[in-house]
Amino acid sequence: MARILDIIFFSYFASHIPITFFVDMQAMFPKWMFPKACVALKEWYTHAARDPLMGDPKPWFISFCFCEITIQLVCFFMGVYVFYKGVEKCRWSRIPLMLYGSHTATTVFSIGFEIMFGDFRDYNHPAPRNMNERLFLLAIYSPYLIIPLLLVFDTVFSPIYRETKITTNGKTKVK
C-alpha cells in the first residue's frame, strides 16, 4: 500500500506537468505558441493573484523557468513514474529526487523572498499592494516549497529508499 507521502508526491509531480507546459512556459516563449485558453488562464491568474513575476517576468525569474523546463520537467515525469510504480521498486530515484527537491526548494525560497520583500515598482503588471496580498501570493507559491522540502527529508531519512540486506543460511540477498 502506498504511503500518504507517495500519493502527495505523485499528485504534485502529475499536476506540475500541465502547469509547466501550459502556464510556466509562457514566461519564456511568445504568446502565439500557446492555445488562447492557456494565455487567458495565465492572464486571469496573474491579475487575480497580482503576480508580477509571471505577469512581467524579469531575467532572474526567466532563468528559474528555464531550469524548470530543462531540468525539473524531466524530474516531473520521473516522479510520476517512481510514485506510481512504488519507491521500493525504484530505489535508484533517491539521489535524483533529493537533488530535484533541493534545487526546487532553493529557487522557490528565492521567489518567496522576492514576494515578501521585493520592490515591484519596476514591473509593468499589477503587483501586491499590501502585506495581505503578498501573503496571498506567497501562499500560492508555498506548496512548491513545502512539497520539495518534504521530498528532500523523505529521501534523506526514510528507510524505504535504502536497500535492505537479508541473510538466510549464510547467503546475503539484497532486497
C-alpha atoms as a PDB file:
ATOM      1  CA  MET A   1       0.000   0.000   0.000  1.00  0.00           C
ATOM      2  CA  ALA A   2       1.305   3.446  -0.897  1.00  0.00           C
ATOM      3  CA  ARG A   3       2.317   5.828   1.826  1.00  0.00           C
ATOM      4  CA  ILE A   4       0.324   9.070   2.061  1.00  0.00           C
ATOM      5  CA  LEU A   5       3.517  10.937   1.133  1.00  0.00           C
ATOM      6  CA  ASP A   6       3.791   8.879  -2.056  1.00  0.00           C
ATOM      7  CA  ILE A   7       0.264   9.926  -3.032  1.00  0.00           C
ATOM      8  CA  ILE A   8       1.099  13.571  -2.296  1.00  0.00           C
ATOM      9  CA  PHE A   9       4.326  13.351  -4.313  1.00  0.00           C
ATOM     10  CA  PHE A  10       2.596  11.576  -7.215  1.00  0.00           C
ATOM     11  CA  SER A  11      -0.145  14.245  -7.306  1.00  0.00           C
ATOM     12  CA  TYR A  12       2.423  17.032  -7.091  1.00  0.00           C
ATOM     13  CA  PHE A  13       4.505  15.717  -9.993  1.00  0.00           C
ATOM     14  CA  ALA A  14       1.469  14.793 -12.131  1.00  0.00           C
ATOM     15  CA  SER A  15      -0.140  18.221 -11.684  1.00  0.00           C
ATOM     16  CA  HIS A  16       3.118  20.041 -12.332  1.00  0.00           C
ATOM     17  CA  ILE A  17       3.483  18.677 -15.886  1.00  0.00           C
ATOM     18  CA  PRO A  18       0.493  20.513 -17.437  1.00  0.00           C
ATOM     19  CA  ILE A  19       1.175  23.614 -15.317  1.00  0.00           C
ATOM     20  CA  THR A  20       4.696  23.757 -16.731  1.00  0.00           C
ATOM     21  CA  PHE A  21       3.641  23.187 -20.349  1.00  0.00           C
ATOM     22  CA  PHE A  22       0.624  25.475 -20.403  1.00  0.00           C
ATOM     23  CA  VAL A  23       1.393  28.228 -17.883  1.00  0.00           C
ATOM     24  CA  ASP A  24       5.007  28.445 -16.732  1.00  0.00           C
ATOM     25  CA  MET A  25       6.493  28.150 -20.231  1.00  0.00           C
ATOM     26  CA  GLN A  26       4.650  31.350 -21.131  1.00  0.00           C
ATOM     27  CA  ALA A  27       7.263  33.265 -19.127  1.00  0.00           C
ATOM     28  CA  MET A  28       9.849  32.282 -21.756  1.00  0.00           C
ATOM     29  CA  PHE A  29       8.059  31.899 -25.064  1.00  0.00           C
ATOM     30  CA  PRO A  30       5.782  34.158 -27.160  1.00  0.00           C
ATOM     31  CA  LYS A  31       2.020  34.017 -26.633  1.00  0.00           C
ATOM     32  CA  TRP A  32       1.296  32.720 -30.127  1.00  0.00           C
ATOM     33  CA  MET A  33       2.869  29.376 -29.182  1.00  0.00           C
ATOM     34  CA  PHE A  34       0.102  28.623 -26.677  1.00  0.00           C
ATOM     35  CA  PRO A  35      -3.616  27.926 -27.024  1.00  0.00           C
ATOM     36  CA  LYS A  36      -5.731  31.014 -26.380  1.00  0.00           C
ATOM     37  CA  ALA A  37      -7.328  29.340 -23.363  1.00  0.00           C
ATOM     38  CA  CYS A  38      -3.894  28.893 -21.757  1.00  0.00           C
ATOM     39  CA  VAL A  39      -2.949  32.512 -22.402  1.00  0.00           C
ATOM     40  CA  ALA A  40      -6.287  33.607 -20.933  1.00  0.00           C
ATOM     41  CA  LEU A  41      -5.732  31.383 -17.887  1.00  0.00           C
ATOM     42  CA  LYS A  42      -2.306  32.905 -17.263  1.00  0.00           C
ATOM     43  CA  GLU A  43      -3.659  36.425 -17.722  1.00  0.00           C
ATOM     44  CA  TRP A  44      -6.530  35.738 -15.339  1.00  0.00           C
ATOM     45  CA  TYR A  45      -4.205  34.197 -12.751  1.00  0.00           C
ATOM     46  CA  THR A  46      -1.577  36.953 -12.883  1.00  0.00           C
ATOM     47  CA  HIS A  47      -4.236  39.633 -12.426  1.00  0.00           C
ATOM     48  CA  ALA A  48      -6.311  37.797  -9.797  1.00  0.00           C
ATOM     49  CA  ALA A  49      -3.253  36.855  -7.731  1.00  0.00           C
ATOM     50  CA  ARG A  50      -1.434  40.090  -8.562  1.00  0.00           C
ATOM     51  CA  ASP A  51       1.595  38.024  -9.588  1.00  0.00           C
ATOM     52  CA  PRO A  52       4.071  40.340 -11.314  1.00  0.00           C
ATOM     53  CA  LEU A  53       6.702  37.600 -11.501  1.00  0.00           C
ATOM     54  CA  MET A  54       4.649  35.658 -14.063  1.00  0.00           C
ATOM     55  CA  GLY A  55       2.904  38.737 -15.464  1.00  0.00           C
ATOM     56  CA  ASP A  56       6.095  40.651 -16.279  1.00  0.00           C
ATOM     57  CA  PRO A  57       8.929  38.145 -15.826  1.00  0.00           C
ATOM     58  CA  LYS A  58      12.391  39.580 -15.260  1.00  0.00           C
ATOM     59  CA  PRO A  59      15.578  37.781 -16.380  1.00  0.00           C
ATOM     60  CA  TRP A  60      16.240  36.214 -12.960  1.00  0.00           C
ATOM     61  CA  PHE A  61      12.735  34.696 -12.939  1.00  0.00           C
ATOM     62  CA  ILE A  62      13.055  33.558 -16.546  1.00  0.00           C
ATOM     63  CA  SER A  63      16.260  31.740 -15.561  1.00  0.00           C
ATOM     64  CA  PHE A  64      14.255  29.800 -12.958  1.00  0.00           C
ATOM     65  CA  CYS A  65      11.634  28.977 -15.608  1.00  0.00           C
ATOM     66  CA  PHE A  66      14.433  27.803 -17.905  1.00  0.00           C
ATOM     67  CA  CYS A  67      15.628  25.442 -15.153  1.00  0.00           C
ATOM     68  CA  GLU A  68      12.067  24.235 -14.697  1.00  0.00           C
ATOM     69  CA  ILE A  69      11.734  23.430 -18.390  1.00  0.00           C
ATOM     70  CA  THR A  70      15.172  21.878 -18.904  1.00  0.00           C
ATOM     71  CA  ILE A  71      15.896  20.150 -15.580  1.00  0.00           C
ATOM     72  CA  GLN A  72      12.761  19.912 -13.487  1.00  0.00           C
ATOM     73  CA  LEU A  73      10.368  18.791 -16.230  1.00  0.00           C
ATOM     74  CA  VAL A  74      12.367  15.584 -16.629  1.00  0.00           C
ATOM     75  CA  CYS A  75      12.054  15.076 -12.871  1.00  0.00           C
ATOM     76  CA  PHE A  76       8.268  15.545 -13.054  1.00  0.00           C
ATOM     77  CA  PHE A  77       7.954  12.591 -15.415  1.00  0.00           C
ATOM     78  CA  MET A  78      10.402  10.585 -13.332  1.00  0.00           C
ATOM     79  CA  GLY A  79       8.458  11.438 -10.160  1.00  0.00           C
ATOM     80  CA  VAL A  80       5.176  10.311 -11.708  1.00  0.00           C
ATOM     81  CA  TYR A  81       6.800   7.025 -12.719  1.00  0.00           C
ATOM     82  CA  VAL A  82       8.511   6.433  -9.362  1.00  0.00           C
ATOM     83  CA  PHE A  83       5.499   7.201  -7.203  1.00  0.00           C
ATOM     84  CA  TYR A  84       3.167   5.270  -9.492  1.00  0.00           C
ATOM     85  CA  LYS A  85       5.374   2.148  -9.535  1.00  0.00           C
ATOM     86  CA  GLY A  86       6.334   2.476  -5.885  1.00  0.00           C
ATOM     87  CA  VAL A  87       9.505   3.819  -4.323  1.00  0.00           C
ATOM     88  CA  GLU A  88      10.523   0.377  -3.098  1.00  0.00           C
ATOM     89  CA  LYS A  89      10.787  -0.708  -6.754  1.00  0.00           C
ATOM     90  CA  CYS A  90      12.672   2.439  -7.788  1.00  0.00           C
ATOM     91  CA  ARG A  91      15.320   2.945  -5.151  1.00  0.00           C
ATOM     92  CA  TRP A  92      17.596   4.359  -7.869  1.00  0.00           C
ATOM     93  CA  SER A  93      15.449   7.511  -7.689  1.00  0.00           C
ATOM     94  CA  ARG A  94      16.676   8.571  -4.247  1.00  0.00           C
ATOM     95  CA  ILE A  95      19.533  10.852  -5.351  1.00  0.00           C
ATOM     96  CA  PRO A  96      17.732  12.429  -8.364  1.00  0.00           C
ATOM     97  CA  LEU A  97      14.673  13.170  -6.190  1.00  0.00           C
ATOM     98  CA  MET A  98      16.885  14.596  -3.457  1.00  0.00           C
ATOM     99  CA  LEU A  99      18.627  16.857  -5.976  1.00  0.00           C
ATOM    100  CA  TYR A 100      15.313  17.912  -7.528  1.00  0.00           C
ATOM    101  CA  GLY A 101      13.840  18.760  -4.126  1.00  0.00           C
ATOM    102  CA  SER A 102      16.915  20.742  -3.060  1.00  0.00           C
ATOM    103  CA  HIS A 103      17.087  22.685  -6.310  1.00  0.00           C
ATOM    104  CA  THR A 104      13.381  23.474  -6.359  1.00  0.00           C
ATOM    105  CA  ALA A 105      13.212  24.471  -2.693  1.00  0.00           C
ATOM    106  CA  THR A 106      16.149  26.824  -3.226  1.00  0.00           C
ATOM    107  CA  THR A 107      14.584  28.541  -6.232  1.00  0.00           C
ATOM    108  CA  VAL A 108      11.138  28.833  -4.649  1.00  0.00           C
ATOM    109  CA  PHE A 109      12.693  30.179  -1.447  1.00  0.00           C
ATOM    110  CA  SER A 110      14.235  32.953  -3.567  1.00  0.00           C
ATOM    111  CA  ILE A 111      10.868  33.619  -5.191  1.00  0.00           C
ATOM    112  CA  GLY A 112       9.202  33.750  -1.776  1.00  0.00           C
ATOM    113  CA  PHE A 113      11.807  36.207  -0.543  1.00  0.00           C
ATOM    114  CA  GLU A 114      11.151  38.406  -3.574  1.00  0.00           C
ATOM    115  CA  ILE A 115       7.396  38.217  -2.969  1.00  0.00           C
ATOM    116  CA  MET A 116       7.751  39.262   0.659  1.00  0.00           C
ATOM    117  CA  PHE A 117      10.454  41.916   0.376  1.00  0.00           C
ATOM    118  CA  GLY A 118      10.772  42.854  -3.295  1.00  0.00           C
ATOM    119  CA  ASP A 119      10.125  46.271  -4.768  1.00  0.00           C
ATOM    120  CA  PHE A 120       7.628  45.790  -7.593  1.00  0.00           C
ATOM    121  CA  ARG A 121       7.636  49.376  -8.885  1.00  0.00           C
ATOM    122  CA  ASP A 122       9.688  48.353 -11.943  1.00  0.00           C
ATOM    123  CA  TYR A 123       7.126  45.749 -13.004  1.00  0.00           C
ATOM    124  CA  ASN A 124       4.587  46.590 -15.713  1.00  0.00           C
ATOM    125  CA  HIS A 125       1.952  44.378 -14.156  1.00  0.00           C
ATOM    126  CA  PRO A 126      -0.322  44.501 -11.109  1.00  0.00           C
ATOM    127  CA  ALA A 127       1.652  43.564  -8.016  1.00  0.00           C
ATOM    128  CA  PRO A 128       0.786  43.069  -4.354  1.00  0.00           C
ATOM    129  CA  ARG A 129      -0.203  46.390  -2.793  1.00  0.00           C
ATOM    130  CA  ASN A 130      -0.023  45.383   0.850  1.00  0.00           C
ATOM    131  CA  MET A 131       1.153  42.634   3.177  1.00  0.00           C
ATOM    132  CA  ASN A 132      -2.096  40.655   2.846  1.00  0.00           C
ATOM    133  CA  GLU A 133      -1.702  40.475  -0.940  1.00  0.00           C
ATOM    134  CA  ARG A 134       1.956  39.498  -0.547  1.00  0.00           C
ATOM    135  CA  LEU A 135       0.965  36.715   1.873  1.00  0.00           C
ATOM    136  CA  PHE A 136      -1.756  35.546  -0.522  1.00  0.00           C
ATOM    137  CA  LEU A 137       0.757  35.314  -3.382  1.00  0.00           C
ATOM    138  CA  LEU A 138       3.252  33.586  -1.092  1.00  0.00           C
ATOM    139  CA  ALA A 139       0.549  31.047  -0.173  1.00  0.00           C
ATOM    140  CA  ILE A 140       0.106  30.236  -3.878  1.00  0.00           C
ATOM    141  CA  TYR A 141       3.826  29.522  -4.269  1.00  0.00           C
ATOM    142  CA  SER A 142       4.266  27.795  -0.882  1.00  0.00           C
ATOM    143  CA  PRO A 143       3.293  24.226  -1.944  1.00  0.00           C
ATOM    144  CA  TYR A 144       6.161  24.402  -4.449  1.00  0.00           C
ATOM    145  CA  LEU A 145       8.497  24.997  -1.500  1.00  0.00           C
ATOM    146  CA  ILE A 146       6.924  22.730   1.116  1.00  0.00           C
ATOM    147  CA  ILE A 147       6.481  19.597  -1.020  1.00  0.00           C
ATOM    148  CA  PRO A 148      10.053  19.615  -2.398  1.00  0.00           C
ATOM    149  CA  LEU A 149      11.350  20.097   1.168  1.00  0.00           C
ATOM    150  CA  LEU A 150       9.243  17.125   2.282  1.00  0.00           C
ATOM    151  CA  LEU A 151      10.717  15.181  -0.620  1.00  0.00           C
ATOM    152  CA  VAL A 152      14.258  16.028   0.491  1.00  0.00           C
ATOM    153  CA  PHE A 153      13.575  14.970   4.078  1.00  0.00           C
ATOM    154  CA  ASP A 154      11.829  11.819   2.877  1.00  0.00           C
ATOM    155  CA  THR A 155      14.698  10.799   0.593  1.00  0.00           C
ATOM    156  CA  VAL A 156      17.269  11.512   3.301  1.00  0.00           C
ATOM    157  CA  PHE A 157      15.562   9.875   6.283  1.00  0.00           C
ATOM    158  CA  SER A 158      13.054   7.296   5.039  1.00  0.00           C
ATOM    159  CA  PRO A 159      14.311   3.699   5.029  1.00  0.00           C
ATOM    160  CA  ILE A 160      12.088   2.905   2.025  1.00  0.00           C
ATOM    161  CA  TYR A 161      14.746   4.341  -0.318  1.00  0.00           C
ATOM    162  CA  ARG A 162      17.509   2.158   1.106  1.00  0.00           C
ATOM    163  CA  GLU A 163      18.301  -1.380   0.092  1.00  0.00           C
ATOM    164  CA  THR A 164      17.873  -3.978   2.797  1.00  0.00           C
ATOM    165  CA  LYS A 165      20.155  -6.963   3.106  1.00  0.00           C
ATOM    166  CA  ILE A 166      18.631 -10.222   4.240  1.00  0.00           C
ATOM    167  CA  THR A 167      20.897 -13.046   5.341  1.00  0.00           C
ATOM    168  CA  THR A 168      19.490 -16.571   5.352  1.00  0.00           C
ATOM    169  CA  ASN A 169      21.534 -19.736   5.613  1.00  0.00           C
ATOM    170  CA  GLY A 170      24.755 -17.765   5.212  1.00  0.00           C
ATOM    171  CA  LYS A 171      23.633 -16.159   1.920  1.00  0.00           C
ATOM    172  CA  THR A 172      23.103 -12.408   1.660  1.00  0.00           C
ATOM    173  CA  LYS A 173      20.284 -11.182  -0.523  1.00  0.00           C
ATOM    174  CA  VAL A 174      19.740  -7.514  -1.383  1.00  0.00           C
ATOM    175  CA  LYS A 175      16.120  -6.536  -1.406  1.00  0.00           C
END
